[in-house]
Amino acid sequence: MSEMEYWSWPPRYDDSYRPEAGSRYWFPRRETMPAGDRERAIVQRLREVCGHAYEKAPFYRTKWDEAGFRPDQIRSLEDFESKCPVITKADLRRAQERVRPFGDYLCIAESEIFHVHGTSGTTGVPTAFAVGRNDWRNIANAHARIMYGMGIRPGDMVFVAAIFSLYLGSWGALAGCERLGCKAFPFGAGAPGMSLRAVQWMNTMKPQAFYGTPSFALYLAEIAGKEGVDPKRFGIKRLFFSGEPGASVPGVKDRIEQAYGGKVHDSGSMAEITPWMNVAGMLCWQDVVYTEVCDPKTFQRVPYGQRGTPVYTQLERTSQPMIRLLSGDLTQWVDEPNPCGRTYPRLPSGIFGRIDDMFTIRGENVYPSEIDAALNQVEGYGGEHRIIISRSGARMDELLLRVEPTPEVEKEGKLAAFQDRVMKRIHTMLGLRAGVEVVPCGTFPRTDFKARRVIDDREVFRELNQRMSKDLPR
């Protein structure tokens, strides 16, 4: 469709392009056109992407032949969603075990690979990501475009406070900064002492934008306070985040905005879909990554307004395209007018977390992000906690929260009142009672990456119970 700016297959962008001065949109037509018109163009693009993958990747050809799906069957979004099978992270790992190191879904020659990234492998076999040179340019253009939508402008300084390693989010943010014409400040994170230095640098350089994880932003605000520095003095106007839920959680978002005096933007999808976090600002930029929110059992799209799991299809990736990749996350989507005027679906509450992170306490389904939200709305909460799922008896699971107060609450000896506020907030928001233990400030380590706050002690209880039953006289 020629009416959509820079819409071609394979994707090609003019790296010198900039919107007209004063424009709210990077691509005014493409971002604000009637959704139905855009969807007709996406149907054609899906045929092209799937045709490319079918021709180049034995992984897709075999899977689709078994399912009776062919790219030329796509005549509508419904055709694509009902006939094309989903793929999973486990499918990708098996493919890379068969054909090392990039799997039989690599669609370009290895000599054309420009960047290699991957998962850390801390919870399983690492997965390698291969990104071609043209794909990397398209990624930079997508980042620039959506960062522009956040209000970041050429010439702004962007402080990138995330680990530069296999993790793709920081690299994508850096690529977007460079393409947008920003002053890129790739500070990084992870090394001892860097948090204090980050505060010092931001206080000196006064960046207009910040990228990292919500946990790290809150930790840096805490460090700044200890140094006698008000984070508002940094002058940051835009803060955008990925890597963990939080930036769409009202309590967390409010704390960050109050600390820095800037506007928070949530973003994130999954490592295989990045470096662009396609739902930046929690808009589903459907012409970059086509996003469905699906029933986690049937993998069919759920109506707007309902919860489900995102399923992603890259529309601009030629090297290792992900086509109907099942995320395993939980979200809710809506299709209603957006304040910014863009005509994309939206995830109003962001990503709640992974479906397999959910736990059940006395019949209630609970997500860690819901507890984060509740605690961040409690006066006197010190910013860190641990969620402990345990068993006090033979049958009932129990929820215990170990929570840090602020230094002020601790110093003034108002711990009992703080504990009571936490218990009431959890009961009001989650509909269940939890044990609350107030622990000293600084009990839990802060993190510059994803915060891990859930401890499941039930397995320990089961193992203990089994050992005891074996020792009982018969």
Protein backbone atom coordinates (compact mmCIF):
# COMPACT_ATOMS: atom_id res chain seq x y z
CA MET A 1 0.00 0.00 0.00
CA SER A 2 1.70 3.15 -1.21
CA GLU A 3 -0.43 5.27 1.13
CA MET A 4 1.51 3.85 4.09
CA GLU A 5 4.90 5.50 4.52
CA TYR A 6 7.83 3.18 3.73
CA TRP A 7 5.69 0.05 3.41
CA SER A 8 7.49 -2.50 1.28
CA TRP A 9 8.75 -6.08 1.33
CA PRO A 10 11.51 -6.63 2.19
CA PRO A 11 11.27 -3.58 4.47
CA ARG A 12 13.47 -0.65 3.47
CA TYR A 13 13.64 2.67 5.30
CA ASP A 14 15.36 5.94 4.49
CA ASP A 15 17.81 6.33 7.37
CA SER A 16 17.88 10.10 6.86
CA TYR A 17 14.10 10.52 7.19
CA ARG A 18 12.73 12.71 9.98
CA PRO A 19 9.14 13.86 10.56
CA GLU A 20 8.24 17.44 9.84
CA ALA A 21 9.05 19.80 12.69
CA GLY A 22 6.25 19.85 15.24
CA SER A 23 4.65 16.61 14.05
CA ARG A 24 3.20 14.36 16.77
CA TYR A 25 3.80 11.32 14.57
CA TRP A 26 6.80 9.74 12.89
CA PHE A 27 4.55 8.34 10.15
CA PRO A 28 1.36 10.44 10.28
CA ARG A 29 -0.65 8.32 7.84
CA ARG A 30 0.52 4.91 8.94
CA GLU A 31 -0.07 5.56 12.65
CA THR A 32 -3.48 7.25 12.43
CA MET A 33 -5.16 5.56 9.44
CA PRO A 34 -8.38 3.57 9.95
CA ALA A 35 -7.44 0.25 11.51
CA GLY A 36 -9.29 -1.68 8.81
CA ASP A 37 -7.16 -0.11 6.06
CA ARG A 38 -3.98 -0.99 7.93
CA GLU A 39 -5.19 -4.54 8.53
CA ARG A 40 -5.72 -5.09 4.80
CA ALA A 41 -2.08 -4.14 4.26
CA ILE A 42 -1.02 -6.45 7.11
CA VAL A 43 -2.82 -9.39 5.46
CA GLN A 44 -0.69 -8.91 2.35
CA ARG A 45 2.45 -8.58 4.49
CA LEU A 46 1.60 -11.80 6.35
CA ARG A 47 1.48 -13.63 3.01
CA GLU A 48 4.90 -12.20 2.13
CA VAL A 49 6.51 -12.97 5.50
CA CYS A 50 5.09 -16.48 5.59
CA GLY A 51 6.06 -17.09 1.96
CA HIS A 52 9.63 -16.05 2.77
CA ALA A 53 9.75 -18.36 5.80
CA TYR A 54 8.16 -21.28 3.95
CA GLU A 55 10.75 -21.02 1.18
CA LYS A 56 13.82 -20.47 3.38
CA ALA A 57 13.17 -22.30 6.66
CA PRO A 58 12.67 -26.09 6.94
CA PHE A 59 11.39 -25.44 10.47
CA TYR A 60 8.33 -23.58 9.21
CA ARG A 61 7.85 -25.65 6.06
CA THR A 62 7.68 -28.91 8.02
CA LYS A 63 5.44 -27.53 10.76
CA TRP A 64 3.05 -25.88 8.31
CA ASP A 65 2.86 -28.89 6.01
CA GLU A 66 1.91 -31.03 8.99
CA ALA A 67 -0.81 -28.53 9.90
CA GLY A 68 -2.07 -28.23 6.31
CA PHE A 69 -1.24 -24.52 6.20
CA ARG A 70 0.22 -22.68 3.23
CA PRO A 71 0.99 -18.94 2.97
CA ASP A 72 -1.24 -18.53 -0.08
CA GLN A 73 -4.24 -19.48 2.08
CA ILE A 74 -4.05 -16.14 3.91
CA ARG A 75 -6.90 -13.99 2.64
CA SER A 76 -7.79 -12.39 5.96
CA LEU A 77 -6.46 -12.05 9.48
CA GLU A 78 -8.92 -14.75 10.49
CA ASP A 79 -7.38 -17.11 7.92
CA PHE A 80 -3.93 -16.51 9.35
CA GLU A 81 -4.97 -16.83 12.99
CA SER A 82 -7.05 -19.97 12.52
CA LYS A 83 -4.80 -21.87 10.09
CA CYS A 84 -1.24 -20.96 11.05
CA PRO A 85 -0.11 -22.93 14.14
CA VAL A 86 1.60 -21.24 17.06
CA ILE A 87 5.23 -21.89 17.89
CA THR A 88 6.80 -21.97 21.36
CA LYS A 89 10.18 -21.32 22.94
CA ALA A 90 10.52 -25.09 23.34
CA ASP A 91 10.06 -25.50 19.57
CA LEU A 92 12.89 -23.01 18.99
CA ARG A 93 15.21 -24.76 21.44
CA ARG A 94 14.59 -28.12 19.75
CA ALA A 95 15.25 -26.55 16.36
CA GLN A 96 18.61 -25.24 17.58
CA GLU A 97 19.48 -28.64 19.01
CA ARG A 98 18.82 -30.15 15.56
CA VAL A 99 20.71 -27.51 13.61
CA ARG A 100 23.32 -25.67 15.64
CA PRO A 101 23.77 -22.90 16.44
CA PHE A 102 20.86 -20.91 14.94
CA GLY A 103 18.27 -23.57 14.15
CA ASP A 104 16.57 -24.47 10.91
CA TYR A 105 14.46 -21.31 11.04
CA LEU A 106 17.41 -19.12 10.00
CA CYS A 107 16.38 -17.62 6.68
CA ILE A 108 19.64 -15.95 5.62
CA ALA A 109 23.16 -17.20 5.04
CA GLU A 110 25.31 -17.16 8.19
CA SER A 111 27.68 -14.79 6.39
CA GLU A 112 24.89 -12.17 6.39
CA ILE A 113 24.43 -12.18 10.18
CA PHE A 114 25.24 -8.78 11.70
CA HIS A 115 24.41 -9.25 15.42
CA VAL A 116 24.29 -12.37 17.60
CA HIS A 117 22.37 -12.22 20.88
CA GLY A 118 20.50 -14.76 22.95
CA THR A 119 18.98 -15.84 26.20
CA SER A 120 21.24 -16.28 29.19
CA GLY A 121 20.40 -19.94 29.62
CA THR A 122 20.04 -19.57 33.40
CA THR A 123 16.76 -21.49 33.38
CA GLY A 124 17.43 -23.80 30.46
CA VAL A 125 19.36 -24.25 27.24
CA PRO A 126 20.42 -20.86 25.76
CA THR A 127 18.73 -19.77 22.56
CA ALA A 128 20.79 -17.90 19.96
CA PHE A 129 19.34 -14.95 18.05
CA ALA A 130 20.78 -14.07 14.65
CA VAL A 131 19.96 -10.64 13.23
CA GLY A 132 20.90 -9.64 9.69
CA ARG A 133 22.30 -6.20 8.82
CA ASN A 134 19.12 -5.02 7.08
CA ASP A 135 17.01 -6.29 9.97
CA TRP A 136 19.15 -4.33 12.41
CA ARG A 137 18.59 -1.15 10.41
CA ASN A 138 14.84 -1.81 10.42
CA ILE A 139 14.96 -2.40 14.18
CA ALA A 140 16.73 0.94 14.68
CA ASN A 141 14.09 2.68 12.58
CA ALA A 142 11.27 1.06 14.56
CA HIS A 143 12.85 2.04 17.88
CA ALA A 144 13.38 5.60 16.70
CA ARG A 145 9.81 5.86 15.49
CA ILE A 146 8.24 4.64 18.72
CA MET A 147 10.64 6.53 20.98
CA TYR A 148 9.55 9.59 19.01
CA GLY A 149 5.99 8.62 19.93
CA MET A 150 7.01 8.76 23.59
CA GLY A 151 8.04 12.37 23.14
CA ILE A 152 11.80 11.83 22.80
CA ARG A 153 13.24 14.14 20.16
CA PRO A 154 16.46 14.50 18.12
CA GLY A 155 19.14 16.09 20.26
CA ASP A 156 17.77 14.74 23.54
CA MET A 157 20.23 12.82 25.72
CA VAL A 158 19.06 9.27 26.51
CA PHE A 159 20.66 7.60 29.52
CA VAL A 160 20.63 3.83 28.82
CA ALA A 161 20.95 2.18 32.23
CA ALA A 162 20.62 -1.50 31.34
CA ILE A 163 23.07 -4.35 30.98
CA PHE A 164 24.88 -4.49 27.63
CA SER A 165 25.29 -8.22 27.16
CA LEU A 166 23.09 -10.84 25.56
CA TYR A 167 20.09 -8.80 26.71
CA LEU A 168 18.54 -7.16 23.66
CA GLY A 169 16.51 -4.36 25.20
CA SER A 170 19.50 -2.12 25.91
CA TRP A 171 20.93 -2.65 22.41
CA GLY A 172 17.60 -1.82 20.80
CA ALA A 173 17.25 1.33 22.87
CA LEU A 174 20.78 2.36 21.87
CA ALA A 175 20.09 1.67 18.17
CA GLY A 176 16.92 3.76 18.41
CA CYS A 177 18.79 6.64 20.07
CA GLU A 178 21.36 6.70 17.30
CA ARG A 179 18.76 6.54 14.51
CA LEU A 180 16.62 9.24 16.12
CA GLY A 181 19.59 11.59 16.36
CA CYS A 182 19.75 11.64 20.14
CA LYS A 183 22.81 12.01 22.34
CA ALA A 184 23.22 8.35 23.29
CA PHE A 185 24.62 7.74 26.78
CA PRO A 186 25.16 3.93 26.94
CA PHE A 187 25.93 3.85 30.65
CA GLY A 188 25.04 0.19 31.18
CA ALA A 189 24.57 -1.49 34.55
CA GLY A 190 25.65 -4.52 36.52
CA ALA A 191 29.17 -3.72 37.72
CA PRO A 192 29.81 -3.00 41.42
CA GLY A 193 29.58 0.69 42.22
CA MET A 194 27.78 1.63 39.00
CA SER A 195 24.57 2.67 40.75
CA LEU A 196 26.24 5.49 42.63
CA ARG A 197 28.12 6.51 39.49
CA ALA A 198 24.85 6.52 37.56
CA VAL A 199 23.43 9.04 40.03
CA GLN A 200 26.56 11.18 39.74
CA TRP A 201 26.51 11.11 35.94
CA MET A 202 22.81 11.90 35.65
CA ASN A 203 23.20 14.78 38.08
CA THR A 204 26.05 16.12 35.93
CA MET A 205 24.71 15.47 32.41
CA LYS A 206 20.98 16.16 32.98
CA PRO A 207 19.64 13.66 30.39
CA GLN A 208 16.17 14.21 28.97
CA ALA A 209 15.30 10.48 28.86
CA PHE A 210 16.11 7.30 30.81
CA TYR A 211 15.89 3.61 29.86
CA GLY A 212 16.21 0.64 32.22
CA THR A 213 14.05 -1.57 34.45
CA PRO A 214 11.51 -0.14 36.91
CA SER A 215 13.33 -1.80 39.83
CA PHE A 216 16.60 -0.13 38.90
CA ALA A 217 15.00 3.29 38.48
CA LEU A 218 13.52 3.06 41.96
CA TYR A 219 16.82 1.86 43.36
CA LEU A 220 18.68 4.77 41.75
CA ALA A 221 16.17 7.18 43.31
CA GLU A 222 16.89 5.55 46.66
CA ILE A 223 20.66 5.89 46.14
CA ALA A 224 20.22 9.53 45.13
CA GLY A 225 18.27 10.23 48.30
CA LYS A 226 21.04 8.76 50.44
CA GLU A 227 23.50 11.07 48.65
CA GLY A 228 21.32 14.08 49.35
CA VAL A 229 20.33 14.43 45.69
CA ASP A 230 16.71 14.94 44.61
CA PRO A 231 16.22 12.82 41.41
CA LYS A 232 14.04 15.62 40.03
CA ARG A 233 17.25 17.62 39.67
CA PHE A 234 18.32 15.25 36.89
CA GLY A 235 15.74 16.92 34.64
CA ILE A 236 14.52 13.66 33.08
CA LYS A 237 11.27 14.15 31.14
CA ARG A 238 10.72 10.64 29.72
CA LEU A 239 11.47 7.28 31.36
CA PHE A 240 10.84 4.08 29.40
CA PHE A 241 11.19 0.56 30.69
CA SER A 242 11.23 -3.12 29.82
CA GLY A 243 12.57 -6.35 31.30
CA GLU A 244 9.91 -6.81 34.00
CA PRO A 245 6.31 -5.84 34.79
CA GLY A 246 5.97 -2.65 36.76
CA ALA A 247 5.89 0.45 34.62
CA SER A 248 2.16 -0.05 33.95
CA VAL A 249 1.40 -0.92 37.59
CA PRO A 250 -0.21 2.23 39.04
CA GLY A 251 1.68 2.17 42.34
CA VAL A 252 5.06 1.53 40.72
CA LYS A 253 4.49 3.99 37.90
CA ASP A 254 3.35 6.67 40.33
CA ARG A 255 6.41 6.21 42.57
CA ILE A 256 8.78 6.57 39.61
CA GLU A 257 7.00 9.63 38.24
CA GLN A 258 6.91 11.24 41.69
CA ALA A 259 10.60 10.49 42.25
CA TYR A 260 11.86 11.84 38.93
CA GLY A 261 9.15 14.26 37.89
CA GLY A 262 9.04 12.69 34.40
CA LYS A 263 6.50 10.68 32.40
CA VAL A 264 6.77 6.87 32.50
CA HIS A 265 6.31 4.69 29.40
CA ASP A 266 6.02 0.92 29.68
CA SER A 267 7.36 -1.32 26.93
CA GLY A 268 8.26 -4.93 26.44
CA SER A 269 7.38 -8.15 24.69
CA MET A 270 9.86 -11.05 24.77
CA ALA A 271 13.51 -11.59 23.94
CA GLU A 272 12.78 -13.40 20.68
CA ILE A 273 10.73 -10.43 19.47
CA THR A 274 13.09 -7.67 20.59
CA PRO A 275 15.25 -5.61 20.19
CA TRP A 276 12.13 -3.60 19.48
CA MET A 277 9.74 -3.72 22.44
CA ASN A 278 6.77 -3.68 20.11
CA VAL A 279 4.19 -2.73 22.69
CA ALA A 280 6.06 0.38 23.78
CA GLY A 281 3.71 2.72 25.55
CA MET A 282 1.49 -0.38 25.68
CA LEU A 283 0.28 0.26 22.15
CA CYS A 284 0.42 -2.76 19.85
CA TRP A 285 2.22 -1.31 16.83
CA GLN A 286 0.61 -3.85 14.52
CA ASP A 287 2.51 -2.83 11.38
CA VAL A 288 5.84 -3.66 13.12
CA VAL A 289 4.89 -6.78 15.09
CA TYR A 290 1.40 -8.15 14.53
CA THR A 291 0.05 -8.95 17.99
CA GLU A 292 -2.90 -11.16 18.90
CA VAL A 293 -4.16 -11.67 22.45
CA CYS A 294 -5.29 -15.27 22.58
CA ASP A 295 -6.91 -17.84 24.79
CA PRO A 296 -3.95 -19.71 26.35
CA LYS A 297 -5.56 -23.09 25.61
CA THR A 298 -7.08 -22.66 22.14
CA PHE A 299 -4.63 -19.98 20.84
CA GLN A 300 -7.56 -18.19 19.24
CA ARG A 301 -7.97 -14.44 19.60
CA VAL A 302 -10.04 -13.29 22.57
CA PRO A 303 -12.46 -10.36 22.19
CA TYR A 304 -11.24 -6.90 23.10
CA GLY A 305 -11.70 -6.24 26.79
CA GLN A 306 -10.71 -9.77 27.80
CA ARG A 307 -7.50 -11.27 29.16
CA GLY A 308 -5.26 -13.65 27.27
CA THR A 309 -1.70 -14.36 26.23
CA PRO A 310 0.04 -12.33 23.49
CA VAL A 311 1.02 -14.16 20.30
CA TYR A 312 3.55 -12.26 18.18
CA THR A 313 4.37 -12.23 14.46
CA GLN A 314 7.25 -10.10 13.18
CA LEU A 315 6.41 -8.21 9.98
CA GLU A 316 9.88 -6.75 9.36
CA ARG A 317 12.28 -9.59 10.19
CA THR A 318 13.88 -11.61 7.40
CA SER A 319 16.74 -13.35 9.23
CA GLN A 320 15.00 -15.35 11.97
CA PRO A 321 11.33 -14.41 11.66
CA MET A 322 9.05 -15.28 14.57
CA ILE A 323 5.61 -16.22 13.25
CA ARG A 324 2.84 -16.74 15.81
CA LEU A 325 5.25 -17.08 18.72
CA LEU A 326 3.38 -17.85 21.94
CA SER A 327 4.56 -15.57 24.74
CA GLY A 328 3.16 -17.27 27.82
CA ASP A 329 2.52 -13.82 29.36
CA LEU A 330 -0.84 -12.53 30.54
CA THR A 331 -2.40 -9.25 29.48
CA GLN A 332 -5.67 -7.58 28.59
CA TRP A 333 -6.27 -5.61 25.41
CA VAL A 334 -8.76 -2.98 24.30
CA ASP A 335 -9.60 -1.30 21.03
CA GLU A 336 -10.75 2.19 21.85
CA PRO A 337 -9.67 5.74 21.03
CA ASN A 338 -6.12 6.41 22.25
CA PRO A 339 -5.23 9.78 23.78
CA CYS A 340 -2.33 10.09 21.34
CA GLY A 341 -4.60 9.65 18.30
CA ARG A 342 -2.93 6.46 17.04
CA THR A 343 -5.30 3.75 15.85
CA TYR A 344 -3.68 0.69 17.39
CA PRO A 345 -5.04 -1.70 20.03
CA ARG A 346 -3.73 -1.04 23.52
CA LEU A 347 -2.75 -3.00 26.62
CA PRO A 348 -4.07 -0.63 29.30
CA SER A 349 -2.47 -2.49 32.21
CA GLY A 350 0.65 -3.64 30.37
CA ILE A 351 1.93 -7.18 30.85
CA PHE A 352 0.72 -8.64 34.15
CA GLY A 353 3.46 -11.25 34.18
CA ARG A 354 3.98 -14.79 32.99
CA ILE A 355 1.05 -17.16 33.24
CA ASP A 356 3.30 -19.75 34.89
CA ASP A 357 4.27 -17.12 37.53
CA MET A 358 0.69 -17.13 38.79
CA PHE A 359 0.08 -18.93 42.05
CA THR A 360 -3.14 -19.90 43.82
CA ILE A 361 -3.78 -19.18 47.48
CA ARG A 362 -6.99 -20.60 48.94
CA GLY A 363 -8.65 -20.61 45.53
CA GLU A 364 -7.57 -17.09 44.53
CA ASN A 365 -5.28 -16.65 41.51
CA VAL A 366 -2.53 -14.16 42.34
CA TYR A 367 0.13 -12.52 40.17
CA PRO A 368 3.28 -11.05 41.73
CA SER A 369 2.65 -7.78 39.85
CA GLU A 370 -0.67 -7.39 41.71
CA ILE A 371 1.15 -7.57 45.04
CA ASP A 372 3.73 -5.07 43.74
CA ALA A 373 0.87 -2.73 42.83
CA ALA A 374 -0.75 -3.08 46.26
CA LEU A 375 2.46 -2.47 48.22
CA ASN A 376 3.45 0.52 46.14
CA GLN A 377 0.22 2.20 47.20
CA VAL A 378 0.96 1.77 50.90
CA GLU A 379 2.32 4.81 52.73
CA GLY A 380 5.72 3.99 54.20
CA TYR A 381 6.62 1.13 51.82
CA GLY A 382 10.40 1.04 51.43
CA GLY A 383 10.55 -0.35 47.90
CA GLU A 384 11.45 -4.02 48.44
CA HIS A 385 9.66 -7.14 49.59
CA ARG A 386 9.56 -10.89 49.25
CA ILE A 387 6.51 -13.04 48.55
CA ILE A 388 6.72 -16.35 50.37
CA ILE A 389 4.25 -19.10 49.56
CA SER A 390 4.34 -21.67 52.33
CA ARG A 391 2.23 -24.27 54.06
CA SER A 392 1.41 -24.03 57.74
CA GLY A 393 -0.68 -27.17 57.82
CA ALA A 394 -1.22 -30.30 55.80
CA ARG A 395 -3.63 -28.75 53.31
CA MET A 396 -3.71 -24.95 53.24
CA ASP A 397 -1.27 -22.81 51.30
CA GLU A 398 -0.40 -19.55 53.02
CA LEU A 399 0.92 -16.22 51.78
CA LEU A 400 3.57 -14.41 53.78
CA LEU A 401 4.95 -11.03 52.82
CA ARG A 402 8.26 -9.78 54.17
CA VAL A 403 8.21 -6.05 53.59
CA GLU A 404 10.73 -3.25 54.10
CA PRO A 405 9.46 0.10 55.42
CA THR A 406 11.02 3.46 54.63
CA PRO A 407 13.84 4.62 56.91
CA GLU A 408 11.48 7.26 58.31
CA VAL A 409 8.91 4.67 59.40
CA GLU A 410 11.66 2.57 60.95
CA LYS A 411 13.30 5.52 62.71
CA GLU A 412 10.01 6.78 64.13
CA GLY A 413 9.05 3.32 65.40
CA LYS A 414 5.74 3.22 63.51
CA LEU A 415 6.19 -0.37 62.34
CA ALA A 416 2.93 -1.74 63.79
CA ALA A 417 0.85 0.88 61.98
CA PHE A 418 2.75 0.20 58.76
CA GLN A 419 2.18 -3.54 59.11
CA ASP A 420 -1.53 -2.93 59.61
CA ARG A 421 -1.71 -0.75 56.48
CA VAL A 422 -0.03 -3.46 54.41
CA MET A 423 -2.41 -6.16 55.66
CA LYS A 424 -5.46 -4.02 54.92
CA ARG A 425 -4.25 -3.04 51.43
CA ILE A 426 -3.50 -6.64 50.43
CA HIS A 427 -6.89 -7.78 51.70
CA THR A 428 -8.70 -4.97 49.88
CA MET A 429 -6.92 -5.41 46.54
CA LEU A 430 -6.51 -9.19 46.40
CA GLY A 431 -9.43 -10.39 48.47
CA LEU A 432 -7.28 -12.58 50.70
CA ARG A 433 -5.48 -12.28 53.98
CA ALA A 434 -1.72 -12.51 54.10
CA GLY A 435 0.76 -12.70 56.90
CA VAL A 436 2.97 -9.62 56.99
CA GLU A 437 6.42 -9.44 58.54
CA VAL A 438 8.11 -6.05 58.62
CA VAL A 439 11.87 -6.46 58.15
CA PRO A 440 14.63 -3.86 58.62
CA CYS A 441 15.46 -1.42 55.85
CA GLY A 442 18.11 -2.81 53.50
CA THR A 443 17.28 -6.46 54.22
CA PHE A 444 16.85 -7.33 50.55
CA PRO A 445 19.41 -6.63 47.82
CA ARG A 446 18.48 -4.14 45.13
CA THR A 447 18.84 -5.06 41.48
CA ASP A 448 19.78 -3.35 38.23
CA PHE A 449 17.90 -5.96 36.23
CA LYS A 450 14.80 -8.11 36.78
CA ALA A 451 13.66 -8.26 40.39
CA ARG A 452 13.05 -11.81 41.70
CA ARG A 453 10.70 -11.56 44.64
CA VAL A 454 8.76 -14.86 44.86
CA ILE A 455 9.92 -17.72 47.08
CA ASP A 456 7.82 -20.88 46.91
CA ASP A 457 8.40 -22.91 50.07
CA ARG A 458 5.63 -25.42 49.35
CA GLU A 459 7.99 -27.86 47.66
CA VAL A 460 10.22 -27.76 50.73
CA PHE A 461 7.18 -28.57 52.86
CA ARG A 462 6.20 -31.45 50.58
CA GLU A 463 9.67 -32.96 50.70
CA LEU A 464 9.77 -32.66 54.48
CA ASN A 465 6.34 -34.21 54.79
CA GLN A 466 7.37 -37.12 52.56
CA ARG A 467 10.49 -37.77 54.64
CA MET A 468 8.47 -37.69 57.83
CA SER A 469 5.87 -40.11 56.45
CA LYS A 470 8.61 -42.58 55.54
CA ASP A 471 9.91 -42.50 59.14
CA LEU A 472 6.51 -43.09 60.75
CA PRO A 473 5.96 -46.59 62.26
CA ARG A 474 3.56 -48.74 60.28
